[in-house]
Amino acid sequence: MGNDQIHSKFDDIEKKVDALLERCRSLQMENQDLGMRIKQLESDLEEKIQIEAHVSEQEAIIQSKIEGLLTKLDSFTRSKKPE
């Protein structure tokens, strides 16, 4: 194998190594972006969970008040029935 062939092979290898390094950098940046996106989605999810819990509490309070009012109405109508 002559010097020209050896240099040519090394040039090919160097190009391939450079391409691999560039791909690694690209994947690292993509991975970093995805990691930040995951954190944002987790934060959004936690916020939605808290909102849902608050809404559930409000619904329970409303339901309790409705039941209390219905009970008062029921007892009022029972007490007003003619005997």
PDB file of N, CA and C in Angstrom:
ATOM      1  N   MET A   1       0.844  -1.163   0.000  1.00  0.00           N
ATOM      2  CA  MET A   1       0.000   0.000   0.000  1.00  0.00           C
ATOM      3  C   MET A   1       0.894   1.232   0.000  1.00  0.00           C
ATOM      4  N   GLY A   2       0.664   2.149  -0.936  1.00  0.00           N
ATOM      5  CA  GLY A   2       1.508   3.335  -1.057  1.00  0.00           C
ATOM      6  C   GLY A   2       1.081   4.438  -0.110  1.00  0.00           C
ATOM      7  N   ASN A   3       1.946   5.444  -0.018  1.00  0.00           N
ATOM      8  CA  ASN A   3       1.676   6.579   0.871  1.00  0.00           C
ATOM      9  C   ASN A   3       0.370   7.284   0.505  1.00  0.00           C
ATOM     10  N   ASP A   4       0.103   7.418  -0.784  1.00  0.00           N
ATOM     11  CA  ASP A   4      -1.123   8.089  -1.224  1.00  0.00           C
ATOM     12  C   ASP A   4      -2.355   7.321  -0.752  1.00  0.00           C
ATOM     13  N   GLN A   5      -2.276   6.004  -0.858  1.00  0.00           N
ATOM     14  CA  GLN A   5      -3.409   5.184  -0.415  1.00  0.00           C
ATOM     15  C   GLN A   5      -3.596   5.295   1.106  1.00  0.00           C
ATOM     16  N   ILE A   6      -2.492   5.294   1.827  1.00  0.00           N
ATOM     17  CA  ILE A   6      -2.553   5.418   3.293  1.00  0.00           C
ATOM     18  C   ILE A   6      -3.166   6.762   3.679  1.00  0.00           C
ATOM     19  N   HIS A   7      -2.692   7.846   3.029  1.00  0.00           N
ATOM     20  CA  HIS A   7      -3.241   9.181   3.315  1.00  0.00           C
ATOM     21  C   HIS A   7      -4.729   9.241   2.967  1.00  0.00           C
ATOM     22  N   SER A   8      -5.074   8.596   1.873  1.00  0.00           N
ATOM     23  CA  SER A   8      -6.472   8.573   1.453  1.00  0.00           C
ATOM     24  C   SER A   8      -7.337   7.842   2.481  1.00  0.00           C
ATOM     25  N   LYS A   9      -6.855   6.717   2.966  1.00  0.00           N
ATOM     26  CA  LYS A   9      -7.589   5.957   3.987  1.00  0.00           C
ATOM     27  C   LYS A   9      -7.750   6.781   5.266  1.00  0.00           C
ATOM     28  N   PHE A  10      -6.661   7.434   5.711  1.00  0.00           N
ATOM     29  CA  PHE A  10      -6.731   8.263   6.899  1.00  0.00           C
ATOM     30  C   PHE A  10      -7.696   9.433   6.700  1.00  0.00           C
ATOM     31  N   ASP A  11      -7.692  10.016   5.522  1.00  0.00           N
ATOM     32  CA  ASP A  11      -8.633  11.097   5.224  1.00  0.00           C
ATOM     33  C   ASP A  11     -10.071  10.595   5.311  1.00  0.00           C
ATOM     34  N   ASP A  12     -10.318   9.414   4.769  1.00  0.00           N
ATOM     35  CA  ASP A  12     -11.662   8.823   4.844  1.00  0.00           C
ATOM     36  C   ASP A  12     -12.073   8.576   6.301  1.00  0.00           C
ATOM     37  N   ILE A  13     -11.138   8.008   7.063  1.00  0.00           N
ATOM     38  CA  ILE A  13     -11.413   7.731   8.473  1.00  0.00           C
ATOM     39  C   ILE A  13     -11.677   9.038   9.219  1.00  0.00           C
ATOM     40  N   GLU A  14     -10.861  10.061   8.954  1.00  0.00           N
ATOM     41  CA  GLU A  14     -11.027  11.347   9.617  1.00  0.00           C
ATOM     42  C   GLU A  14     -12.393  11.967   9.291  1.00  0.00           C
ATOM     43  N   LYS A  15     -12.815  11.879   8.058  1.00  0.00           N
ATOM     44  CA  LYS A  15     -14.135  12.396   7.664  1.00  0.00           C
ATOM     45  C   LYS A  15     -15.251  11.654   8.389  1.00  0.00           C
ATOM     46  N   LYS A  16     -15.099  10.335   8.472  1.00  0.00           N
ATOM     47  CA  LYS A  16     -16.113   9.541   9.160  1.00  0.00           C
ATOM     48  C   LYS A  16     -16.150   9.855  10.655  1.00  0.00           C
ATOM     49  N   VAL A  17     -14.983  10.030  11.268  1.00  0.00           N
ATOM     50  CA  VAL A  17     -14.906  10.380  12.681  1.00  0.00           C
ATOM     51  C   VAL A  17     -15.526  11.761  12.899  1.00  0.00           C
ATOM     52  N   ASP A  18     -15.218  12.715  12.031  1.00  0.00           N
ATOM     53  CA  ASP A  18     -15.805  14.053  12.141  1.00  0.00           C
ATOM     54  C   ASP A  18     -17.327  13.993  12.024  1.00  0.00           C
ATOM     55  N   ALA A  19     -17.824  13.192  11.095  1.00  0.00           N
ATOM     56  CA  ALA A  19     -19.267  13.047  10.923  1.00  0.00           C
ATOM     57  C   ALA A  19     -19.896  12.430  12.175  1.00  0.00           C
ATOM     58  N   LEU A  20     -19.236  11.432  12.747  1.00  0.00           N
ATOM     59  CA  LEU A  20     -19.733  10.806  13.971  1.00  0.00           C
ATOM     60  C   LEU A  20     -19.740  11.788  15.146  1.00  0.00           C
ATOM     61  N   LEU A  21     -18.668  12.581  15.262  1.00  0.00           N
ATOM     62  CA  LEU A  21     -18.609  13.570  16.332  1.00  0.00           C
ATOM     63  C   LEU A  21     -19.709  14.616  16.173  1.00  0.00           C
ATOM     64  N   GLU A  22     -19.945  15.043  14.955  1.00  0.00           N
ATOM     65  CA  GLU A  22     -21.015  16.014  14.693  1.00  0.00           C
ATOM     66  C   GLU A  22     -22.374  15.414  15.041  1.00  0.00           C
ATOM     67  N   ARG A  23     -22.569  14.171  14.685  1.00  0.00           N
ATOM     68  CA  ARG A  23     -23.833  13.489  15.015  1.00  0.00           C
ATOM     69  C   ARG A  23     -23.997  13.366  16.530  1.00  0.00           C
ATOM     70  N   CYS A  24     -22.924  13.067  17.243  1.00  0.00           N
ATOM     71  CA  CYS A  24     -22.966  12.986  18.705  1.00  0.00           C
ATOM     72  C   CYS A  24     -23.342  14.339  19.306  1.00  0.00           C
ATOM     73  N   ARG A  25     -22.727  15.420  18.816  1.00  0.00           N
ATOM     74  CA  ARG A  25     -23.066  16.756  19.300  1.00  0.00           C
ATOM     75  C   ARG A  25     -24.539  17.062  19.040  1.00  0.00           C
ATOM     76  N   SER A  26     -24.994  16.717  17.866  1.00  0.00           N
ATOM     77  CA  SER A  26     -26.390  16.950  17.504  1.00  0.00           C
ATOM     78  C   SER A  26     -27.328  16.178  18.423  1.00  0.00           C
ATOM     79  N   LEU A  27     -27.000  14.924  18.685  1.00  0.00           N
ATOM     80  CA  LEU A  27     -27.822  14.098  19.570  1.00  0.00           C
ATOM     81  C   LEU A  27     -27.786  14.608  21.009  1.00  0.00           C
ATOM     82  N   GLN A  28     -26.638  15.104  21.448  1.00  0.00           N
ATOM     83  CA  GLN A  28     -26.539  15.665  22.791  1.00  0.00           C
ATOM     84  C   GLN A  28     -27.437  16.896  22.930  1.00  0.00           C
ATOM     85  N   MET A  29     -27.437  17.749  21.915  1.00  0.00           N
ATOM     86  CA  MET A  29     -28.290  18.936  21.947  1.00  0.00           C
ATOM     87  C   MET A  29     -29.766  18.539  21.919  1.00  0.00           C
ATOM     88  N   GLU A  30     -30.089  17.569  21.092  1.00  0.00           N
ATOM     89  CA  GLU A  30     -31.465  17.085  21.029  1.00  0.00           C
ATOM     90  C   GLU A  30     -31.888  16.476  22.370  1.00  0.00           C
ATOM     91  N   ASN A  31     -30.995  15.715  22.977  1.00  0.00           N
ATOM     92  CA  ASN A  31     -31.263  15.110  24.278  1.00  0.00           C
ATOM     93  C   ASN A  31     -31.488  16.191  25.341  1.00  0.00           C
ATOM     94  N   GLN A  32     -30.684  17.227  25.303  1.00  0.00           N
ATOM     95  CA  GLN A  32     -30.832  18.340  26.243  1.00  0.00           C
ATOM     96  C   GLN A  32     -32.188  19.026  26.035  1.00  0.00           C
ATOM     97  N   ASP A  33     -32.551  19.273  24.783  1.00  0.00           N
ATOM     98  CA  ASP A  33     -33.855  19.881  24.475  1.00  0.00           C
ATOM     99  C   ASP A  33     -35.001  18.995  24.966  1.00  0.00           C
ATOM    100  N   LEU A  34     -34.887  17.701  24.749  1.00  0.00           N
ATOM    101  CA  LEU A  34     -35.926  16.768  25.196  1.00  0.00           C
ATOM    102  C   LEU A  34     -36.007  16.725  26.716  1.00  0.00           C
ATOM    103  N   GLY A  35     -34.873  16.796  27.379  1.00  0.00           N
ATOM    104  CA  GLY A  35     -34.852  16.833  28.844  1.00  0.00           C
ATOM    105  C   GLY A  35     -35.573  18.058  29.374  1.00  0.00           C
ATOM    106  N   MET A  36     -35.332  19.215  28.743  1.00  0.00           N
ATOM    107  CA  MET A  36     -36.024  20.432  29.152  1.00  0.00           C
ATOM    108  C   MET A  36     -37.519  20.320  28.864  1.00  0.00           C
ATOM    109  N   ARG A  37     -37.873  19.712  27.753  1.00  0.00           N
ATOM    110  CA  ARG A  37     -39.288  19.530  27.407  1.00  0.00           C
ATOM    111  C   ARG A  37     -39.978  18.613  28.426  1.00  0.00           C
ATOM    112  N   ILE A  38     -39.287  17.565  28.840  1.00  0.00           N
ATOM    113  CA  ILE A  38     -39.833  16.652  29.851  1.00  0.00           C
ATOM    114  C   ILE A  38     -40.082  17.408  31.157  1.00  0.00           C
ATOM    115  N   LYS A  39     -39.124  18.234  31.578  1.00  0.00           N
ATOM    116  CA  LYS A  39     -39.293  19.004  32.809  1.00  0.00           C
ATOM    117  C   LYS A  39     -40.489  19.943  32.695  1.00  0.00           C
ATOM    118  N   GLN A  40     -40.652  20.577  31.530  1.00  0.00           N
ATOM    119  CA  GLN A  40     -41.782  21.477  31.328  1.00  0.00           C
ATOM    120  C   GLN A  40     -43.101  20.712  31.378  1.00  0.00           C
ATOM    121  N   LEU A  41     -43.137  19.552  30.725  1.00  0.00           N
ATOM    122  CA  LEU A  41     -44.355  18.742  30.741  1.00  0.00           C
ATOM    123  C   LEU A  41     -44.682  18.244  32.147  1.00  0.00           C
ATOM    124  N   GLU A  42     -43.656  17.871  32.907  1.00  0.00           N
ATOM    125  CA  GLU A  42     -43.874  17.438  34.291  1.00  0.00           C
ATOM    126  C   GLU A  42     -44.423  18.586  35.130  1.00  0.00           C
ATOM    127  N   SER A  43     -43.890  19.771  34.905  1.00  0.00           N
ATOM    128  CA  SER A  43     -44.368  20.953  35.617  1.00  0.00           C
ATOM    129  C   SER A  43     -45.820  21.252  35.250  1.00  0.00           C
ATOM    130  N   ASP A  44     -46.128  21.192  33.957  1.00  0.00           N
ATOM    131  CA  ASP A  44     -47.502  21.407  33.496  1.00  0.00           C
ATOM    132  C   ASP A  44     -48.448  20.374  34.095  1.00  0.00           C
ATOM    133  N   LEU A  45     -48.009  19.128  34.125  1.00  0.00           N
ATOM    134  CA  LEU A  45     -48.823  18.053  34.682  1.00  0.00           C
ATOM    135  C   LEU A  45     -49.085  18.279  36.167  1.00  0.00           C
ATOM    136  N   GLU A  46     -48.068  18.660  36.902  1.00  0.00           N
ATOM    137  CA  GLU A  46     -48.222  18.921  38.338  1.00  0.00           C
ATOM    138  C   GLU A  46     -49.212  20.058  38.563  1.00  0.00           C
ATOM    139  N   GLU A  47     -49.114  21.086  37.738  1.00  0.00           N
ATOM    140  CA  GLU A  47     -50.050  22.213  37.853  1.00  0.00           C
ATOM    141  C   GLU A  47     -51.486  21.750  37.581  1.00  0.00           C
ATOM    142  N   LYS A  48     -51.657  20.935  36.561  1.00  0.00           N
ATOM    143  CA  LYS A  48     -52.993  20.427  36.236  1.00  0.00           C
ATOM    144  C   LYS A  48     -53.526  19.525  37.343  1.00  0.00           C
ATOM    145  N   ILE A  49     -52.666  18.743  37.950  1.00  0.00           N
ATOM    146  CA  ILE A  49     -53.077  17.878  39.061  1.00  0.00           C
ATOM    147  C   ILE A  49     -53.564  18.738  40.228  1.00  0.00           C
ATOM    148  N   GLN A  50     -52.832  19.810  40.517  1.00  0.00           N
ATOM    149  CA  GLN A  50     -53.228  20.700  41.607  1.00  0.00           C
ATOM    150  C   GLN A  50     -54.554  21.396  41.294  1.00  0.00           C
ATOM    151  N   ILE A  51     -54.722  21.826  40.049  1.00  0.00           N
ATOM    152  CA  ILE A  51     -55.976  22.462  39.641  1.00  0.00           C
ATOM    153  C   ILE A  51     -57.125  21.471  39.760  1.00  0.00           C
ATOM    154  N   GLU A  52     -56.891  20.248  39.306  1.00  0.00           N
ATOM    155  CA  GLU A  52     -57.933  19.214  39.382  1.00  0.00           C
ATOM    156  C   GLU A  52     -58.312  18.927  40.836  1.00  0.00           C
ATOM    157  N   ALA A  53     -57.327  18.888  41.707  1.00  0.00           N
ATOM    158  CA  ALA A  53     -57.608  18.656  43.134  1.00  0.00           C
ATOM    159  C   ALA A  53     -58.438  19.806  43.696  1.00  0.00           C
ATOM    160  N   HIS A  54     -58.094  21.019  43.310  1.00  0.00           N
ATOM    161  CA  HIS A  54     -58.849  22.187  43.776  1.00  0.00           C
ATOM    162  C   HIS A  54     -60.288  22.145  43.258  1.00  0.00           C
ATOM    163  N   VAL A  55     -60.451  21.805  41.990  1.00  0.00           N
ATOM    164  CA  VAL A  55     -61.795  21.703  41.409  1.00  0.00           C
ATOM    165  C   VAL A  55     -62.594  20.615  42.118  1.00  0.00           C
ATOM    166  N   SER A  56     -61.961  19.494  42.401  1.00  0.00           N
ATOM    167  CA  SER A  56     -62.645  18.405  43.114  1.00  0.00           C
ATOM    168  C   SER A  56     -63.092  18.859  44.501  1.00  0.00           C
ATOM    169  N   GLU A  57     -62.233  19.607  45.189  1.00  0.00           N
ATOM    170  CA  GLU A  57     -62.604  20.134  46.504  1.00  0.00           C
ATOM    171  C   GLU A  57     -63.812  21.058  46.377  1.00  0.00           C
ATOM    172  N   GLN A  58     -63.778  21.936  45.381  1.00  0.00           N
ATOM    173  CA  GLN A  58     -64.887  22.862  45.176  1.00  0.00           C
ATOM    174  C   GLN A  58     -66.175  22.109  44.862  1.00  0.00           C
ATOM    175  N   GLU A  59     -66.073  21.086  44.025  1.00  0.00           N
ATOM    176  CA  GLU A  59     -67.254  20.280  43.702  1.00  0.00           C
ATOM    177  C   GLU A  59     -67.812  19.601  44.948  1.00  0.00           C
ATOM    178  N   ALA A  60     -66.932  19.107  45.807  1.00  0.00           N
ATOM    179  CA  ALA A  60     -67.376  18.452  47.040  1.00  0.00           C
ATOM    180  C   ALA A  60     -68.076  19.452  47.954  1.00  0.00           C
ATOM    181  N   ILE A  61     -67.540  20.652  48.045  1.00  0.00           N
ATOM    182  CA  ILE A  61     -68.160  21.692  48.876  1.00  0.00           C
ATOM    183  C   ILE A  61     -69.539  22.049  48.328  1.00  0.00           C
ATOM    184  N   ILE A  62     -69.620  22.241  47.024  1.00  0.00           N
ATOM    185  CA  ILE A  62     -70.895  22.583  46.387  1.00  0.00           C
ATOM    186  C   ILE A  62     -71.908  21.460  46.603  1.00  0.00           C
ATOM    187  N   GLN A  63     -71.462  20.219  46.397  1.00  0.00           N
ATOM    188  CA  GLN A  63     -72.352  19.076  46.582  1.00  0.00           C
ATOM    189  C   GLN A  63     -72.853  19.017  48.027  1.00  0.00           C
ATOM    190  N   SER A  64     -71.984  19.268  48.975  1.00  0.00           N
ATOM    191  CA  SER A  64     -72.354  19.249  50.386  1.00  0.00           C
ATOM    192  C   SER A  64     -73.381  20.338  50.693  1.00  0.00           C
ATOM    193  N   LYS A  65     -73.163  21.522  50.137  1.00  0.00           N
ATOM    194  CA  LYS A  65     -74.105  22.624  50.368  1.00  0.00           C
ATOM    195  C   LYS A  65     -75.464  22.327  49.736  1.00  0.00           C
ATOM    196  N   ILE A  66     -75.451  21.764  48.543  1.00  0.00           N
ATOM    197  CA  ILE A  66     -76.711  21.392  47.882  1.00  0.00           C
ATOM    198  C   ILE A  66     -77.462  20.367  48.727  1.00  0.00           C
ATOM    199  N   GLU A  67     -76.752  19.360  49.197  1.00  0.00           N
ATOM    200  CA  GLU A  67     -77.387  18.338  50.026  1.00  0.00           C
ATOM    201  C   GLU A  67     -77.934  18.943  51.312  1.00  0.00           C
ATOM    202  N   GLY A  68     -77.217  19.881  51.913  1.00  0.00           N
ATOM    203  CA  GLY A  68     -77.681  20.554  53.117  1.00  0.00           C
ATOM    204  C   GLY A  68     -78.957  21.346  52.854  1.00  0.00           C
ATOM    205  N   LEU A  69     -78.974  22.067  51.722  1.00  0.00           N
ATOM    206  CA  LEU A  69     -80.167  22.839  51.373  1.00  0.00           C
ATOM    207  C   LEU A  69     -81.355  21.929  51.086  1.00  0.00           C
ATOM    208  N   LEU A  70     -81.094  20.831  50.388  1.00  0.00           N
ATOM    209  CA  LEU A  70     -82.179  19.885  50.109  1.00  0.00           C
ATOM    210  C   LEU A  70     -82.725  19.276  51.399  1.00  0.00           C
ATOM    211  N   THR A  71     -81.836  18.996  52.329  1.00  0.00           N
ATOM    212  CA  THR A  71     -82.264  18.454  53.621  1.00  0.00           C
ATOM    213  C   THR A  71     -83.129  19.475  54.361  1.00  0.00           C
ATOM    214  N   LYS A  72     -82.712  20.743  54.347  1.00  0.00           N
ATOM    215  CA  LYS A  72     -83.511  21.789  54.994  1.00  0.00           C
ATOM    216  C   LYS A  72     -84.885  21.903  54.336  1.00  0.00           C
ATOM    217  N   LEU A  73     -84.906  21.899  52.994  1.00  0.00           N
ATOM    218  CA  LEU A  73     -86.178  21.982  52.276  1.00  0.00           C
ATOM    219  C   LEU A  73     -87.066  20.792  52.596  1.00  0.00           C
ATOM    220  N   ASP A  74     -86.469  19.628  52.641  1.00  0.00           N
ATOM    221  CA  ASP A  74     -87.220  18.410  52.929  1.00  0.00           C
ATOM    222  C   ASP A  74     -87.817  18.466  54.334  1.00  0.00           C
ATOM    223  N   SER A  75     -87.003  18.881  55.298  1.00  0.00           N
ATOM    224  CA  SER A  75     -87.521  18.952  56.665  1.00  0.00           C
ATOM    225  C   SER A  75     -88.570  20.051  56.782  1.00  0.00           C
ATOM    226  N   PHE A  76     -88.415  21.138  56.034  1.00  0.00           N
ATOM    227  CA  PHE A  76     -89.398  22.209  56.061  1.00  0.00           C
ATOM    228  C   PHE A  76     -90.728  21.738  55.480  1.00  0.00           C
ATOM    229  N   THR A  77     -90.654  21.023  54.327  1.00  0.00           N
ATOM    230  CA  THR A  77     -91.898  20.552  53.712  1.00  0.00           C
ATOM    231  C   THR A  77     -92.564  19.482  54.566  1.00  0.00           C
ATOM    232  N   ARG A  78     -91.788  18.673  55.254  1.00  0.00           N
ATOM    233  CA  ARG A  78     -92.362  17.655  56.148  1.00  0.00           C
ATOM    234  C   ARG A  78     -93.056  18.299  57.342  1.00  0.00           C
ATOM    235  N   SER A  79     -92.463  19.361  57.852  1.00  0.00           N
ATOM    236  CA  SER A  79     -93.047  19.997  59.030  1.00  0.00           C
ATOM    237  C   SER A  79     -94.297  20.791  58.686  1.00  0.00           C
ATOM    238  N   LYS A  80     -94.475  21.176  57.437  1.00  0.00           N
ATOM    239  CA  LYS A  80     -95.627  21.959  57.017  1.00  0.00           C
ATOM    240  C   LYS A  80     -96.791  21.109  56.487  1.00  0.00           C
ATOM    241  N   LYS A  81     -96.625  19.807  56.427  1.00  0.00           N
ATOM    242  CA  LYS A  81     -97.696  18.934  55.933  1.00  0.00           C
ATOM    243  C   LYS A  81     -98.868  18.953  56.887  1.00  0.00           C
ATOM    244  N   PRO A  82    -100.088  19.099  56.343  1.00  0.00           N
ATOM    245  CA  PRO A  82    -101.245  19.059  57.223  1.00  0.00           C
ATOM    246  C   PRO A  82    -101.434  17.657  57.789  1.00  0.00           C
ATOM    247  N   GLU A  83    -101.880  17.620  58.976  1.00  0.00           N
ATOM    248  CA  GLU A  83    -102.072  16.320  59.609  1.00  0.00           C
ATOM    249  C   GLU A  83    -103.475  15.841  59.512  1.00  0.00           C
TER     250      GLU A  83
END
